[in-house]
Amino acid sequence: MTAHAYTHTQPLLTLDGIAMSFAGELILRDISAQVLDVIRPGMQQGQVVGFYGRSGIGKSVLCRIMAGLLVPTAGTVRVGEGQQAVAAGRVGFVQQRYPLFDHRTLLDNLLVAAERKHAPADARTLTESYLERFGLSAHRKKYPALLSGGQRQRAAIAQQLLCSDHLILLDEPFSGLDVAMIDEVKKIIAEVTTMDELNTVVIVSHDLVTTTALADRLWLLSHERDAATGAPLPGATISPQHQYNLAEMGLAWHENVEAEPEFTQFVEHLKQEIRGS
C-alpha cells in the first residue's frame, strides 16, 4: 500500500524508563516510547495509538500511570506540547462503563467537566459546540439512565476532552458492541483526532483488527526472554521491535484498510507476536 505523505514534529506523549512494582513483584520494566505530532499536508491530523498485550500483563497498570492516576516506581510520563509531567485530571480516561453523574443531565455533566478547565462563559460555549459535534444536542436535557450505550460513550468521550489536555485514553471501547455500534465508535474516534492537531487517542483493546485499522502507531506490551534460557524476564515492557509506525508502513489513514492483504498479513504478524509473548 502507498504511504501518505507526513512529517513528525514535537513529542506529545513520552514514556521514559517506566517501571512499576507491587509488593516486591516487578509488573512493568523499563518502558520507553514516544508519540510525535504528525503533520499531513493540508490536513489537521491527530494521533491514534493502539495498545495491546495479553490479559494480566499490566496494560491497565500502564494505562493508569499514563493517566496520572498511579505514580510509577521509576520513570516519568510527559504530556503535551510543553512535555510537562502528567498529573491526574490532565489526561482524559474513558472507562468501559462510561461513568457520568446520574443525578445531572447530559448538558450539566459536560458543563461540570468544561468548568474544570475553562471560565464559565467559555465552558458554556465549548459544551454547546461539543453537544453539536458529537450528535448529542437533542439529548441535552436527558439524564444518563435515559441515554443509549452509544450516546453514553459519546458523552463520556466529550466529557474527557472538555477537561483534559488533548490526550485521552480509551479502555476497551469496542467491548460488547455490535457491528453497527463499532462502526459508530470508529467514526467518533476519527472525529476526535481531526478536531485538533494535538489530540492523541490511546486505545487499550483486545479488538486487534478494529484498533489496528484506526491506529497510526501501535505498542505491544510483552515479556522479553532471557537470551540463554528462553525464560520470560520479570516485568513486561515495550521493546523497540514492538513499536510499530503504521504511517511509515503505509497502513495508516486508508479507508477500508481492513480489506487490504497487507493489513491482513500485519494483523497475523501481531497475533504471532502476542502468542509468543
Foldseek 3Di string as FASTA:
>chain_A
DDFADKDFDAWFKWWAQFWADDPRFTLAGGATDTDTQIDHPPAQFFFEEEEEADPPSCPVVVVCQQQQNDPTPDTFMFGGPVRHTHHHQQEAEQEAQLDFPQVAFLLVRLLVLLVLPDPNVVSNVLSVVLCVLLVNPVRRRPGPVPDDPLNSRSSSVSSSVNRHNQHYEYEANCPPDDPVSLVVVLVSVRSSRRVHSHHYYYYYHPPLLSSLQAGQKYFYWDFDADPPPRHTDGHTYGDPVRIDGNSVVRRHPDPPSSPDPVSVVVSVVVVVVNVSD
